[in-house]
Protein backbone atom coordinates (compact mmCIF):
# COMPACT_ATOMS: atom_id res chain seq x y z
CA MET A 1 135.22 88.68 95.32
CA LYS A 2 138.17 90.64 96.65
CA HIS A 3 140.33 92.72 93.99
CA ASP A 4 142.93 95.13 94.85
CA GLN A 5 140.73 98.25 93.49
CA VAL A 6 137.39 99.20 91.83
CA MET A 7 136.71 101.77 89.40
CA SER A 8 133.16 103.15 89.46
CA ALA A 9 131.27 105.21 87.03
CA LEU A 10 127.72 106.35 86.76
CA TYR A 11 125.92 106.75 83.41
CA ASP A 12 122.54 108.36 82.80
CA THR A 13 121.14 106.02 80.26
CA HIS A 14 121.61 102.41 79.48
CA ALA A 15 122.87 103.25 76.06
CA GLN A 16 125.86 105.34 77.66
CA ALA A 17 126.60 102.33 80.15
CA GLU A 18 126.62 99.92 77.08
CA ARG A 19 128.86 102.15 75.13
CA ALA A 20 131.14 102.15 78.14
CA VAL A 21 131.15 98.30 78.43
CA GLU A 22 131.79 98.14 74.64
CA GLU A 23 134.69 100.51 74.98
CA LEU A 24 136.44 98.57 77.57
CA GLN A 25 135.82 95.27 75.55
CA ALA A 26 137.36 96.64 72.52
CA SER A 27 140.48 97.71 74.58
CA GLY A 28 140.79 94.20 75.77
CA TYR A 29 139.71 94.78 79.43
CA ASP A 30 138.70 91.40 81.10
CA MET A 31 134.96 91.20 80.60
CA LYS A 32 134.93 88.84 83.77
CA ARG A 33 135.97 91.90 85.94
CA LEU A 34 133.02 94.28 84.88
CA SER A 35 129.97 94.67 86.57
CA ILE A 36 126.74 97.08 86.10
CA VAL A 37 123.77 97.78 88.34
CA GLY A 38 120.89 99.47 87.30
CA GLN A 39 117.22 99.47 86.88
CA GLU A 40 114.66 101.50 84.49
CA TYR A 41 112.52 103.81 86.32
CA HIS A 42 111.62 105.94 83.36
CA THR A 43 109.80 103.62 81.16
CA GLU A 44 106.00 102.50 81.71
CA GLU A 45 107.04 98.84 80.95
CA LYS A 46 109.05 97.27 83.80
CA VAL A 47 111.13 94.16 83.53
CA VAL A 48 109.00 91.55 85.30
CA GLY A 49 111.35 88.53 85.00
CA TYR A 50 114.56 87.23 83.28
CA TYR A 51 116.49 84.05 82.71
CA ASN A 52 120.05 83.35 81.66
CA LEU A 53 120.70 80.39 79.33
CA GLY A 54 124.63 80.35 79.30
CA ASP A 55 125.74 83.51 77.38
CA ARG A 56 122.21 84.70 76.54
CA MET A 57 119.90 86.40 78.97
CA LEU A 58 116.17 86.86 78.05
CA SER A 59 113.85 89.14 79.70
CA TRP A 60 110.18 90.76 79.40
CA GLY A 61 110.03 94.45 79.48
CA SER A 62 111.47 97.45 77.67
CA THR A 63 114.92 97.23 79.07
CA GLY A 64 115.37 93.62 77.63
CA ALA A 65 117.50 94.39 74.59
CA PHE A 66 120.08 96.35 76.76
CA TRP A 67 120.30 93.74 79.44
CA GLY A 68 120.45 90.93 76.87
CA SER A 69 123.56 92.44 75.42
CA ILE A 70 125.17 93.27 78.69
CA TRP A 71 124.59 89.75 79.83
CA SER A 72 126.16 88.32 76.78
CA LEU A 73 129.45 90.36 77.67
CA LEU A 74 129.46 90.14 81.32
CA PHE A 75 130.02 87.17 83.67
CA GLY A 76 127.12 86.24 86.08
CA SER A 77 123.68 87.79 86.40
CA ALA A 78 120.81 88.44 88.87
CA PHE A 79 117.66 90.13 89.57
CA PHE A 80 116.73 91.07 93.04
CA LEU A 81 114.10 93.30 94.80
CA VAL A 82 116.11 95.22 97.23
CA PRO A 83 114.30 96.67 100.26
CA GLY A 84 114.59 100.53 100.32
CA VAL A 85 115.97 100.53 96.67
CA GLY A 86 113.61 98.36 94.50
CA PRO A 87 114.15 96.05 91.66
CA LEU A 88 117.92 95.76 90.49
CA LEU A 89 119.35 94.13 87.73
CA ILE A 90 123.04 93.19 88.07
CA ALA A 91 125.80 91.63 85.84
CA GLY A 92 129.25 90.81 86.74
CA PRO A 93 131.13 89.75 89.85
CA PHE A 94 129.31 92.54 92.05
CA VAL A 95 126.50 89.92 92.15
CA VAL A 96 128.66 87.90 94.56
CA ALA A 97 129.01 90.97 97.06
CA LEU A 98 125.31 91.75 96.98
CA VAL A 99 124.56 88.19 97.65
CA ALA A 100 127.12 88.38 100.57
CA ALA A 101 125.22 91.48 101.92
CA PHE A 102 121.95 89.70 101.88
CA GLU A 103 123.27 86.68 103.71
CA GLY A 104 125.75 88.33 106.00
CA ALA A 105 125.94 90.80 108.90
CA VAL A 106 126.88 93.50 106.25
CA VAL A 107 123.21 94.88 106.21
CA GLY A 108 122.32 96.58 109.23
CA GLY A 109 118.98 98.34 110.16
CA THR A 110 119.96 101.55 108.36
CA VAL A 111 121.72 100.53 105.25
CA SER A 112 120.29 98.73 102.36
CA ALA A 113 121.99 95.61 100.99
CA LEU A 114 123.16 97.74 97.96
CA ALA A 115 124.85 100.16 100.07
CA GLY A 116 126.50 97.33 102.30
CA ALA A 117 127.59 95.46 99.11
CA LEU A 118 129.11 98.65 97.53
CA ALA A 119 130.80 99.53 100.98
CA SER A 120 132.07 95.96 100.94
CA ILE A 121 133.90 96.31 97.84
CA GLY A 122 135.58 99.57 98.96
CA ILE A 123 133.38 102.24 97.83
CA PRO A 124 133.75 105.41 100.07
CA GLU A 125 130.45 105.98 102.10
CA ASN A 126 129.68 109.25 100.59
CA SER A 127 129.82 107.69 97.21
CA VAL A 128 127.69 104.64 98.31
CA LEU A 129 124.83 106.94 99.43
CA GLU A 130 125.11 108.88 96.12
CA TYR A 131 125.39 105.69 94.00
CA GLU A 132 122.33 104.24 95.64
CA THR A 133 120.38 107.46 95.08
CA GLU A 134 121.29 107.81 91.45
CA ILE A 135 120.53 103.91 90.85
CA LYS A 136 117.06 104.70 92.32
CA ALA A 137 116.65 107.43 89.84
CA GLY A 138 117.31 105.07 86.95
CA LYS A 139 120.98 105.67 86.35
CA PHE A 140 123.41 102.70 85.90
CA LEU A 141 126.59 102.11 87.78
CA LEU A 142 129.53 100.51 86.03
CA LEU A 143 132.10 98.88 88.19
CA ALA A 144 135.54 97.64 86.83
CA HIS A 145 137.24 95.41 89.41
CA GLY A 146 141.04 94.61 89.17
CA THR A 147 144.55 95.56 90.08
CA ALA A 148 145.61 99.11 90.52
CA ALA A 149 146.98 99.15 87.02
CA GLU A 150 143.87 97.37 85.57
CA VAL A 151 141.39 99.98 87.10
CA VAL A 152 143.52 102.89 86.32
CA ARG A 153 143.37 101.77 82.85
CA ALA A 154 139.66 101.36 82.71
CA ARG A 155 139.30 104.78 83.93
CA GLU A 156 141.80 106.33 81.16
CA ILE A 157 139.74 104.44 78.40
CA LEU A 158 136.43 105.77 79.66
CA GLY A 159 137.71 109.21 80.75
CA VAL A 160 135.51 109.12 83.83
CA GLY A 161 135.27 107.15 87.10
CA GLU A 162 136.24 107.18 90.85
CA LEU A 163 138.89 104.75 92.23
CA ALA A 164 138.17 102.66 95.39
CA ILE A 165 140.44 100.03 97.39
CA ALA A 166 138.67 97.08 98.20
């Protein structure tokens, strides 16, 4: 999952994250190069499972409608219980980085699999810690993978974001 660069942006709500994905889609951004990571702590009803049937994702819980629409737009999906972080729903190519962090030596005793995966795609250490904290607090992280020109374009479309070299 190595691309030249990654643009990252945090969103407070799933509605904001979904709008960002829709804006990128409308502009012609390659949906196979977008990832989103999040969980929903601010609801009483949690996702307890999901399954992916081709281009449809079905889940149980209050965030099912959001994740269902995201799964239909992005390529690849996963649900993990990450030690130190909690339950994570992930869509897009970042799934590969997280799986590699679980399987490989990326994860040490002091860093979570999420932090290791973010670092492995070039996110700076100070941002890795911030993103992990914000995701634990219920925010959503959008990652646009691609060439330098593609991620700069994504950043311009959204008017937000931080660039990282992978």
